[in-house]
Amino acid sequence: MNQFATPTTERTPQLTKLLGSIRMIPIDRVVPDPGQPRKYFDEVVLAHFADGVEAIGQLMPIIVVPFEASDEADYQIVDGERRWRAMRMRESTEIRAFVAKNIRSAEQAFMFSIAANFNREEHTPMEIARSIERLKHDGLSGKEIEVLTGKSVYWIHSYYRLLKLHPDVVKYIDPALPAENRMKLQIARLLTECDHKVQQLVAHRLIGQRISVARASKIIDEVNEKHGGRIPQRQQPARRFQRVNRLAENTLASLTDLNPRKLREAIASRSNEEVEQLKTHCERISEQAMNIADVAGEVLERKGSRRGNGDS
């Protein structure tokens, strides 16, 4: 049960003023927040993390709030559930924590958790999507969500639209699945534009195959035509536009997901020939993208000119 009953209208709490001093608290008097964004914890990664905590100690305190909804706990976690789980694995009796007495609502606690956690990599795609959904439900604008998460509007939209997926398709992007049974996130994003019947048909056809996003896009179109009716000739230009637009969105979202530090390390680990090949590919992508942007600009300019002539 979440102890907070009524959301507040405050949108931008001064996070640094919410934390008190660090203290040691009994680990068995702490409970996780059922409303926190992250639900999936990789047990193997958690075990390695617990080994590190056992070897060098707890470097970063968790953040908790006083908990009054249960006689069995005194604190509820706002940030640091993974650290708490790791220390419980090693049967620690106490944990270092900030006790934040100025977080007074479920909404404040949730936004604090988002701000603290969203730039980490452990969240599943659907955890991110549902977190964005909750922020929207709580009344935050797109701009406020951008500021809170530190992510672009394209990144936010690319995850939010995953909520359009059928439950049978959602299970295929679960990171707990073996890689060979998991669907690429870029392909799942393409499926959000299809009805549920097409989503399921395509998912069953693609699972277990090593397939490119471009090939998957063609298969999606084939299934759409077969089960959703052939696209009339007059609709072909609109369909081509949709394909280019969704390719641009997916590419941008995928590139935005990359961690700059880890990307630099990965590139530095490869041979000069491989790095040169990557550079060439990126330059060609940039060139093609600029060509499309130029065409879009010309179209907008012509439409603006026509509008201006019509108004004169």
Protein backbone atom coordinates (compact mmCIF):
# COMPACT_ATOMS: atom_id res chain seq x y z
CA MET A 1 0.00 0.00 0.00
CA ASN A 2 1.31 3.47 -0.87
CA GLN A 3 1.19 5.72 2.18
CA PHE A 4 0.42 8.86 0.21
CA ALA A 5 -3.26 9.42 -0.34
CA THR A 6 -3.64 12.78 -2.09
CA PRO A 7 -1.41 14.12 -4.86
CA THR A 8 -0.17 17.68 -4.57
CA THR A 9 -0.16 20.40 -7.23
CA GLU A 10 3.50 21.23 -6.65
CA ARG A 11 5.48 20.45 -9.81
CA THR A 12 9.09 21.44 -9.18
CA PRO A 13 10.20 20.61 -5.62
CA GLN A 14 13.67 21.88 -4.69
CA LEU A 15 15.22 18.43 -4.57
CA THR A 16 18.37 19.47 -2.78
CA LYS A 17 16.38 20.93 0.12
CA LEU A 18 14.38 17.77 0.69
CA LEU A 19 17.21 15.66 2.09
CA GLY A 20 18.17 15.55 5.75
CA SER A 21 21.37 14.24 7.27
CA ILE A 22 22.69 10.72 6.67
CA ARG A 23 21.90 8.15 9.35
CA MET A 24 22.07 4.39 9.84
CA ILE A 25 18.62 2.78 9.89
CA PRO A 26 17.52 -0.85 10.40
CA ILE A 27 17.29 -2.50 7.01
CA ASP A 28 14.31 -4.66 8.04
CA ARG A 29 12.28 -1.52 8.85
CA VAL A 30 12.52 -0.30 5.22
CA VAL A 31 10.02 -1.12 2.47
CA PRO A 32 10.13 -0.35 -1.28
CA ASP A 33 7.73 2.12 -2.88
CA PRO A 34 5.10 0.17 -4.89
CA GLY A 35 4.75 3.18 -7.19
CA GLN A 36 8.42 3.53 -8.13
CA PRO A 37 9.18 3.30 -11.89
CA ARG A 38 11.55 0.33 -11.84
CA LYS A 39 9.97 -3.10 -11.39
CA TYR A 40 12.54 -5.33 -13.09
CA PHE A 41 15.80 -6.22 -11.34
CA ASP A 42 18.27 -8.50 -13.10
CA GLU A 43 19.23 -11.08 -10.45
CA VAL A 44 22.68 -11.72 -11.93
CA VAL A 45 23.51 -8.01 -12.06
CA LEU A 46 22.09 -7.58 -8.56
CA ALA A 47 24.33 -10.38 -7.23
CA HIS A 48 27.43 -8.74 -8.75
CA PHE A 49 26.36 -5.43 -7.24
CA ALA A 50 25.92 -7.10 -3.84
CA ASP A 51 29.45 -8.55 -4.11
CA GLY A 52 30.76 -5.02 -4.70
CA VAL A 53 28.86 -3.64 -1.72
CA GLU A 54 30.22 -6.45 0.47
CA ALA A 55 33.77 -5.78 -0.71
CA ILE A 56 33.93 -1.97 -0.44
CA GLY A 57 30.86 -1.00 1.55
CA GLN A 58 27.85 1.14 0.72
CA LEU A 59 29.20 4.24 -1.04
CA MET A 60 25.89 5.97 -1.79
CA PRO A 61 23.13 6.36 0.84
CA ILE A 62 19.59 5.46 -0.16
CA ILE A 63 16.80 8.05 0.19
CA VAL A 64 13.75 7.24 2.27
CA VAL A 65 10.74 8.99 3.78
CA PRO A 66 9.08 8.23 7.13
CA PHE A 67 6.45 5.54 6.62
CA GLU A 68 3.29 5.52 8.72
CA ALA A 69 1.05 3.15 6.78
CA SER A 70 2.32 -0.03 8.44
CA ASP A 71 3.42 -1.17 11.90
CA GLU A 72 6.04 -3.38 10.24
CA ALA A 73 8.08 -0.57 8.67
CA ASP A 74 9.32 2.91 9.54
CA TYR A 75 10.66 4.04 6.15
CA GLN A 76 9.71 3.83 2.48
CA ILE A 77 12.32 4.01 -0.29
CA VAL A 78 12.29 6.95 -2.68
CA ASP A 79 15.63 6.20 -4.35
CA GLY A 80 18.02 3.27 -3.91
CA GLU A 81 15.92 0.10 -4.00
CA ARG A 82 18.70 -1.75 -5.83
CA ARG A 83 21.19 -0.88 -3.07
CA TRP A 84 18.66 -1.98 -0.46
CA ARG A 85 18.07 -5.30 -2.24
CA ALA A 86 21.81 -5.91 -2.62
CA MET A 87 22.47 -5.30 1.08
CA ARG A 88 19.60 -7.59 2.05
CA MET A 89 21.21 -10.28 -0.14
CA ARG A 90 24.31 -10.01 2.04
CA GLU A 91 22.18 -10.05 5.23
CA SER A 92 23.19 -6.55 6.35
CA THR A 93 21.27 -5.33 9.40
CA GLU A 94 21.64 -1.57 8.78
CA ILE A 95 21.78 0.73 5.78
CA ARG A 96 22.98 4.32 5.32
CA ALA A 97 20.13 6.61 4.34
CA PHE A 98 18.95 10.17 3.91
CA VAL A 99 15.61 10.51 5.69
CA ALA A 100 13.74 13.13 3.66
CA LYS A 101 11.00 14.55 5.85
CA ASN A 102 9.92 17.24 3.36
CA ILE A 103 8.60 14.87 0.68
CA ARG A 104 4.93 14.93 1.61
CA SER A 105 3.03 13.43 -1.32
CA ALA A 106 3.00 10.52 -3.73
CA GLU A 107 3.50 12.91 -6.62
CA GLN A 108 6.59 14.52 -5.07
CA ALA A 109 8.06 11.11 -4.27
CA PHE A 110 7.39 9.83 -7.78
CA MET A 111 8.93 12.90 -9.46
CA PHE A 112 11.94 12.68 -7.16
CA SER A 113 12.38 9.03 -8.14
CA ILE A 114 12.08 9.90 -11.84
CA ALA A 115 14.65 12.68 -11.56
CA ALA A 116 17.05 10.42 -9.65
CA ASN A 117 16.63 7.30 -11.79
CA PHE A 118 15.73 8.09 -15.39
CA ASN A 119 19.28 8.59 -16.63
CA ARG A 120 20.27 5.13 -15.42
CA GLU A 121 20.12 2.17 -17.76
CA GLU A 122 18.30 -0.45 -15.68
CA HIS A 123 14.75 0.56 -16.57
CA THR A 124 12.82 -1.63 -18.99
CA PRO A 125 11.12 0.04 -21.98
CA MET A 126 7.65 -0.49 -20.50
CA GLU A 127 8.69 0.89 -17.09
CA ILE A 128 9.74 4.07 -18.89
CA ALA A 129 6.50 4.16 -20.91
CA ARG A 130 4.30 3.71 -17.83
CA SER A 131 6.27 6.32 -15.90
CA ILE A 132 5.70 8.85 -18.69
CA GLU A 133 2.02 7.89 -18.70
CA ARG A 134 1.77 8.56 -14.98
CA LEU A 135 3.51 11.93 -15.29
CA LYS A 136 1.04 12.91 -18.02
CA HIS A 137 -1.85 11.66 -15.89
CA ASP A 138 -0.57 13.81 -13.01
CA GLY A 139 -0.85 16.82 -15.28
CA LEU A 140 2.72 17.48 -16.34
CA SER A 141 3.17 19.05 -19.76
CA GLY A 142 5.53 17.64 -22.36
CA LYS A 143 8.03 20.39 -21.58
CA GLU A 144 7.91 19.66 -17.84
CA ILE A 145 8.53 15.96 -18.52
CA GLU A 146 11.51 16.91 -20.71
CA VAL A 147 13.00 19.01 -17.89
CA LEU A 148 12.30 16.40 -15.21
CA THR A 149 13.78 13.47 -17.14
CA GLY A 150 16.52 15.33 -18.97
CA LYS A 151 15.35 13.66 -22.21
CA SER A 152 14.23 15.07 -25.57
CA VAL A 153 10.62 15.18 -26.74
CA TYR A 154 11.49 12.55 -29.41
CA TRP A 155 12.87 10.18 -26.77
CA ILE A 156 9.80 10.64 -24.59
CA HIS A 157 7.38 10.05 -27.48
CA SER A 158 9.28 6.98 -28.69
CA TYR A 159 8.73 5.26 -25.33
CA TYR A 160 5.25 6.62 -24.60
CA ARG A 161 3.85 5.12 -27.80
CA LEU A 162 4.88 1.62 -26.64
CA LEU A 163 1.66 1.72 -24.60
CA LYS A 164 -0.16 1.07 -27.90
CA LEU A 165 1.31 -2.44 -28.08
CA HIS A 166 -0.87 -5.49 -27.48
CA PRO A 167 0.01 -7.31 -24.20
CA ASP A 168 1.10 -10.38 -26.19
CA VAL A 169 3.63 -8.20 -28.03
CA VAL A 170 4.79 -6.34 -24.93
CA LYS A 171 6.10 -9.59 -23.45
CA TYR A 172 8.54 -9.92 -26.37
CA ILE A 173 10.47 -6.78 -25.34
CA ASP A 174 10.97 -8.00 -21.78
CA PRO A 175 14.75 -7.81 -21.07
CA ALA A 176 14.46 -10.98 -18.99
CA LEU A 177 13.89 -12.97 -22.21
CA PRO A 178 16.85 -14.63 -23.94
CA ALA A 179 18.14 -12.44 -26.78
CA GLU A 180 17.00 -14.93 -29.43
CA ASN A 181 13.39 -14.68 -28.19
CA ARG A 182 13.37 -10.92 -27.73
CA MET A 183 12.10 -8.34 -30.21
CA LYS A 184 14.22 -5.33 -31.10
CA LEU A 185 12.86 -2.18 -29.53
CA GLN A 186 13.01 -0.37 -32.89
CA ILE A 187 10.73 -3.02 -34.43
CA ALA A 188 8.32 -2.79 -31.50
CA ARG A 189 8.11 0.96 -32.12
CA LEU A 190 7.17 0.30 -35.75
CA LEU A 191 4.36 -1.99 -34.61
CA THR A 192 2.75 0.76 -32.51
CA GLU A 193 1.29 2.16 -35.75
CA CYS A 194 -0.54 -1.10 -36.51
CA ASP A 195 -3.75 -2.54 -35.11
CA HIS A 196 -3.45 -5.31 -32.53
CA LYS A 197 -4.18 -8.11 -34.99
CA VAL A 198 -1.30 -7.07 -37.25
CA GLN A 199 0.98 -6.55 -34.25
CA GLN A 200 0.43 -10.13 -33.09
CA LEU A 201 0.82 -11.64 -36.56
CA VAL A 202 4.08 -9.80 -37.20
CA ALA A 203 5.46 -10.56 -33.73
CA HIS A 204 4.82 -14.30 -34.10
CA ARG A 205 6.45 -14.23 -37.53
CA LEU A 206 9.59 -12.36 -36.45
CA ILE A 207 10.41 -13.81 -33.04
CA GLY A 208 13.48 -16.01 -33.16
CA GLN A 209 14.78 -14.43 -36.38
CA ARG A 210 17.80 -12.20 -36.78
CA ILE A 211 16.28 -9.50 -38.93
CA SER A 212 17.04 -5.87 -39.70
CA VAL A 213 14.66 -3.04 -38.88
CA ALA A 214 14.37 -2.20 -42.60
CA ARG A 215 13.35 -5.79 -43.43
CA ALA A 216 10.91 -5.83 -40.50
CA SER A 217 9.33 -2.64 -41.83
CA LYS A 218 8.69 -4.32 -45.19
CA ILE A 219 7.17 -7.36 -43.50
CA ILE A 220 4.89 -5.09 -41.47
CA ASP A 221 3.70 -3.45 -44.68
CA GLU A 222 3.08 -6.87 -46.26
CA VAL A 223 1.03 -8.09 -43.31
CA ASN A 224 -0.88 -4.79 -43.21
CA GLU A 225 -1.81 -5.13 -46.87
CA LYS A 226 -2.84 -8.77 -46.51
CA HIS A 227 -4.93 -8.42 -43.36
CA GLY A 228 -5.86 -4.77 -43.44
CA GLY A 229 -6.70 -4.40 -47.11
CA ARG A 230 -4.48 -3.24 -50.00
CA ILE A 231 -3.52 0.41 -49.82
CA PRO A 232 -5.29 2.45 -52.55
CA GLN A 233 -2.98 4.14 -55.07
CA ARG A 234 -4.03 7.60 -53.90
CA GLN A 235 -2.80 6.72 -50.39
CA GLN A 236 0.66 5.56 -51.49
CA PRO A 237 2.36 8.98 -51.08
CA ALA A 238 0.99 9.26 -47.54
CA ARG A 239 2.21 5.75 -46.80
CA ARG A 240 5.70 6.54 -48.09
CA PHE A 241 5.77 9.67 -45.94
CA GLN A 242 4.78 7.66 -42.87
CA ARG A 243 7.58 5.14 -43.51
CA VAL A 244 10.21 7.87 -43.84
CA ASN A 245 8.89 9.75 -40.83
CA ARG A 246 8.81 6.70 -38.56
CA LEU A 247 12.30 5.68 -39.74
CA ALA A 248 13.56 9.15 -38.81
CA GLU A 249 11.82 9.00 -35.41
CA ASN A 250 13.15 5.53 -34.62
CA THR A 251 16.69 6.40 -35.69
CA LEU A 252 16.67 9.54 -33.58
CA ALA A 253 15.25 7.69 -30.56
CA SER A 254 17.84 4.92 -30.88
CA LEU A 255 20.73 7.37 -31.14
CA THR A 256 19.39 9.36 -28.18
CA ASP A 257 19.40 6.16 -26.09
CA LEU A 258 23.16 5.76 -26.47
CA ASN A 259 25.32 6.47 -23.45
CA PRO A 260 28.05 8.93 -24.66
CA ARG A 261 30.76 7.60 -22.34
CA LYS A 262 30.09 3.93 -23.15
CA LEU A 263 29.80 4.77 -26.85
CA ARG A 264 33.23 6.42 -26.80
CA GLU A 265 34.70 3.41 -25.00
CA ALA A 266 33.13 1.02 -27.52
CA ILE A 267 34.41 2.96 -30.52
CA ALA A 268 37.89 3.29 -29.00
CA SER A 269 38.05 -0.51 -28.60
CA ARG A 270 37.67 -1.20 -32.33
CA SER A 271 40.22 -1.23 -35.14
CA ASN A 272 40.92 1.83 -37.29
CA GLU A 273 39.23 0.12 -40.24
CA GLU A 274 36.02 -0.50 -38.27
CA VAL A 275 35.97 3.04 -36.87
CA GLU A 276 36.49 4.47 -40.36
CA GLN A 277 33.59 2.34 -41.62
CA LEU A 278 31.34 3.63 -38.82
CA LYS A 279 32.38 7.21 -39.62
CA THR A 280 31.51 6.69 -43.30
CA HIS A 281 28.11 5.20 -42.46
CA CYS A 282 27.28 8.11 -40.13
CA GLU A 283 28.35 10.66 -42.74
CA ARG A 284 26.13 8.98 -45.33
CA ILE A 285 23.20 8.90 -42.90
CA SER A 286 23.77 12.59 -42.19
CA GLU A 287 23.91 13.38 -45.92
CA GLN A 288 20.66 11.53 -46.64
CA ALA A 289 18.96 13.10 -43.63
CA MET A 290 19.99 16.58 -44.81
CA ASN A 291 18.60 15.82 -48.28
CA ILE A 292 15.23 14.90 -46.74
CA ALA A 293 15.35 17.98 -44.50
CA ASP A 294 16.04 20.17 -47.56
CA VAL A 295 13.05 18.68 -49.43
CA ALA A 296 10.83 19.21 -46.36
CA GLY A 297 12.04 22.80 -46.13
CA GLU A 298 11.27 23.44 -49.81
CA VAL A 299 7.76 22.02 -49.39
CA LEU A 300 7.12 24.20 -46.35
CA GLU A 301 8.42 27.23 -48.22
CA ARG A 302 6.13 26.56 -51.20
CA LYS A 303 3.12 26.02 -48.92
CA GLY A 304 3.92 29.23 -47.08
CA SER A 305 4.19 31.11 -50.38
CA ARG A 306 0.81 29.77 -51.54
CA ARG A 307 -0.77 30.72 -48.22
CA GLY A 308 0.68 34.20 -48.53
CA ASN A 309 -0.62 34.62 -52.09
CA GLY A 310 -4.04 33.43 -51.05
CA ASP A 311 -4.17 35.94 -48.21
CA SER A 312 -3.15 38.91 -50.40
